Amino acid sequence: MRDPRALSLLILTASVLRLALLAGDAGERVHYVGGTISLLPSKTQGYINTREQEAFLFQTQGLTVQVPYDKINVLEYGQRVSRRYVEAILLSPVFLLSKTKKHYLTVGFTDDQGRQQAMIFEVGKNDVRAMLVVLEAKSGRKVEYQDDDARRGGKGS
């Protein structure tokens, strides 16, 4: 029979390694397409982190935007940027001519001064389902789907 202390040490080591890996997981890789956050330039690559209990995080190399879940008032998912947020971003001609299907998540929220803000992210279609479920649960807001294709893609139906 094996030494129980060695088995305990192995289990403890595996648990510590798992925690270290989870702690190092920055979240889902996305591109910030645009929005009303002036500190974030368009096309900024970063990570959406929904693992925090109290706040949604968008993390880039030099900046982290933190939005308390209770301040989120819009969650929208689809394959185009919603018309109501278009004026909040500047679109490049390359973006408009692109023919590939892209998936967008819009997060609308009120800032500390009570002003409406928005962030629009290009997300990977394989990463979005779990993210939408977590955002709905933590914010208490239902995701608005732009069309039936977005609803199928976001819910996995």
Protein backbone atom coordinates (compact mmCIF):
# COMPACT_ATOMS: atom_id res chain seq x y z
CA MET A 1 0.00 0.00 0.00
CA ARG A 2 1.23 3.52 -0.77
CA ASP A 3 2.25 5.99 1.90
CA PRO A 4 -0.85 8.12 2.80
CA ARG A 5 1.39 11.16 3.44
CA ALA A 6 2.70 11.02 -0.13
CA LEU A 7 -0.85 10.80 -1.47
CA SER A 8 -1.92 13.77 0.69
CA LEU A 9 1.05 15.77 -0.53
CA LEU A 10 0.21 14.92 -4.14
CA ILE A 11 -3.43 16.04 -3.68
CA LEU A 12 -2.34 19.25 -1.94
CA THR A 13 0.18 20.00 -4.71
CA ALA A 14 -2.45 19.40 -7.40
CA SER A 15 -4.89 21.72 -5.58
CA VAL A 16 -2.30 24.49 -5.27
CA LEU A 17 -1.37 24.16 -8.96
CA ARG A 18 -5.04 24.30 -9.97
CA LEU A 19 -5.58 27.46 -7.88
CA ALA A 20 -2.48 29.05 -9.39
CA LEU A 21 -3.73 28.27 -12.89
CA LEU A 22 -7.17 29.69 -12.13
CA ALA A 23 -5.68 32.83 -10.61
CA GLY A 24 -3.59 33.33 -13.73
CA ASP A 25 -6.63 33.02 -16.01
CA ALA A 26 -7.25 36.58 -17.13
CA GLY A 27 -10.59 35.82 -18.79
CA GLU A 28 -11.87 35.84 -22.35
CA ARG A 29 -9.75 37.56 -24.98
CA VAL A 30 -11.67 40.33 -26.77
CA HIS A 31 -11.13 43.49 -28.80
CA TYR A 32 -12.58 46.76 -27.60
CA VAL A 33 -14.25 48.12 -30.74
CA GLY A 34 -15.25 51.44 -29.23
CA GLY A 35 -17.57 53.19 -26.89
CA THR A 36 -17.65 56.14 -24.56
CA ILE A 37 -14.58 55.37 -22.43
CA SER A 38 -12.13 58.03 -23.61
CA LEU A 39 -9.11 56.34 -22.01
CA LEU A 40 -9.54 53.29 -24.23
CA PRO A 41 -8.53 53.64 -27.87
CA SER A 42 -10.55 51.67 -30.44
CA LYS A 43 -9.20 48.24 -31.38
CA THR A 44 -7.61 47.71 -27.97
CA GLN A 45 -6.98 44.06 -27.23
CA GLY A 46 -7.69 42.85 -23.72
CA TYR A 47 -9.58 40.43 -21.54
CA ILE A 48 -13.08 40.40 -20.13
CA ASN A 49 -13.01 39.01 -16.63
CA THR A 50 -16.37 37.97 -15.17
CA ARG A 51 -14.86 36.00 -12.29
CA GLU A 52 -15.01 38.88 -9.83
CA GLN A 53 -18.12 38.78 -7.65
CA GLU A 54 -18.93 42.50 -7.58
CA ALA A 55 -17.64 43.94 -10.85
CA PHE A 56 -17.19 43.30 -14.56
CA LEU A 57 -13.57 43.90 -15.59
CA PHE A 58 -12.00 44.75 -18.93
CA GLN A 59 -8.24 44.44 -18.61
CA THR A 60 -5.65 45.69 -21.08
CA GLN A 61 -1.89 45.94 -20.68
CA GLY A 62 -2.01 49.36 -19.09
CA LEU A 63 -5.58 49.85 -17.91
CA THR A 64 -8.41 48.05 -16.14
CA VAL A 65 -11.99 49.27 -16.48
CA GLN A 66 -14.17 48.09 -13.61
CA VAL A 67 -17.97 48.29 -13.77
CA PRO A 68 -20.05 47.18 -10.77
CA TYR A 69 -22.61 44.63 -11.96
CA ASP A 70 -25.45 46.62 -10.40
CA LYS A 71 -24.56 49.59 -12.66
CA ILE A 72 -24.94 47.54 -15.87
CA ASN A 73 -28.24 48.40 -17.60
CA VAL A 74 -27.71 47.05 -21.14
CA LEU A 75 -26.35 43.74 -22.36
CA GLU A 76 -26.66 43.26 -26.10
CA TYR A 77 -25.24 40.53 -28.30
CA GLY A 78 -25.25 40.18 -32.07
CA GLN A 79 -23.29 40.22 -35.29
CA ARG A 80 -23.46 43.97 -35.81
CA VAL A 81 -22.98 47.02 -33.65
CA SER A 82 -26.36 48.33 -32.56
CA ARG A 83 -27.53 51.54 -34.26
CA ARG A 84 -28.11 53.24 -30.94
CA TYR A 85 -24.43 52.93 -30.04
CA VAL A 86 -22.94 53.66 -33.47
CA GLU A 87 -22.57 57.34 -32.70
CA ALA A 88 -20.52 56.38 -29.65
CA ILE A 89 -17.76 54.85 -31.80
CA LEU A 90 -15.75 55.77 -34.86
CA LEU A 91 -15.80 53.06 -37.51
CA SER A 92 -12.88 52.58 -39.83
CA PRO A 93 -13.48 51.84 -43.56
CA VAL A 94 -11.74 48.48 -43.13
CA PHE A 95 -14.24 47.56 -40.41
CA LEU A 96 -17.18 48.44 -42.67
CA LEU A 97 -15.87 46.43 -45.64
CA SER A 98 -15.16 43.28 -43.67
CA LYS A 99 -17.23 40.27 -44.79
CA THR A 100 -16.44 37.86 -41.98
CA LYS A 101 -19.08 37.30 -39.32
CA LYS A 102 -18.05 39.03 -36.16
CA HIS A 103 -19.74 38.82 -32.81
CA TYR A 104 -20.29 41.86 -30.62
CA LEU A 105 -21.14 42.35 -26.99
CA THR A 106 -22.35 45.76 -25.88
CA VAL A 107 -22.21 46.57 -22.19
CA GLY A 108 -24.09 49.70 -21.20
CA PHE A 109 -23.83 51.14 -17.70
CA THR A 110 -24.11 54.30 -15.65
CA ASP A 111 -20.88 55.79 -14.34
CA ASP A 112 -20.25 57.32 -10.92
CA GLN A 113 -21.68 60.65 -12.13
CA GLY A 114 -24.90 58.99 -13.35
CA ARG A 115 -24.04 59.33 -17.06
CA GLN A 116 -24.80 56.56 -19.52
CA GLN A 117 -21.67 54.85 -20.85
CA ALA A 118 -21.12 51.99 -23.32
CA MET A 119 -18.35 49.60 -24.26
CA ILE A 120 -18.53 47.47 -27.41
CA PHE A 121 -16.41 44.35 -27.69
CA GLU A 122 -15.71 41.96 -30.51
CA VAL A 123 -15.88 38.53 -28.90
CA GLY A 124 -15.07 35.03 -30.08
CA LYS A 125 -18.21 33.09 -30.95
CA ASN A 126 -16.99 30.06 -29.01
CA ASP A 127 -16.32 32.07 -25.83
CA VAL A 128 -19.51 34.08 -25.64
CA ARG A 129 -22.10 31.60 -24.33
CA ALA A 130 -20.65 31.18 -20.86
CA MET A 131 -19.85 34.89 -20.66
CA LEU A 132 -23.47 35.85 -21.43
CA VAL A 133 -24.84 33.47 -18.80
CA VAL A 134 -22.50 34.88 -16.16
CA LEU A 135 -23.26 38.50 -17.11
CA GLU A 136 -27.02 37.86 -16.92
CA ALA A 137 -26.72 36.17 -13.54
CA LYS A 138 -24.44 38.77 -11.95
CA SER A 139 -26.04 41.90 -13.40
CA GLY A 140 -29.66 40.78 -13.14
CA ARG A 141 -30.19 42.01 -16.74
CA LYS A 142 -31.36 39.88 -19.65
CA VAL A 143 -29.21 39.87 -22.76
CA GLU A 144 -30.91 41.60 -25.69
CA TYR A 145 -30.28 39.58 -28.84
CA GLN A 146 -30.25 41.49 -32.11
CA ASP A 147 -31.86 38.68 -34.09
CA ASP A 148 -32.58 34.93 -34.13
CA ASP A 149 -29.03 34.11 -35.33
CA ALA A 150 -27.58 35.95 -32.34
CA ARG A 151 -30.03 34.22 -29.98
CA ARG A 152 -29.01 30.79 -31.33
CA GLY A 153 -25.32 31.66 -31.13
CA GLY A 154 -25.58 33.12 -27.64
CA LYS A 155 -27.71 30.38 -26.14
CA GLY A 156 -26.27 27.42 -28.01
CA SER A 157 -29.69 26.35 -29.31
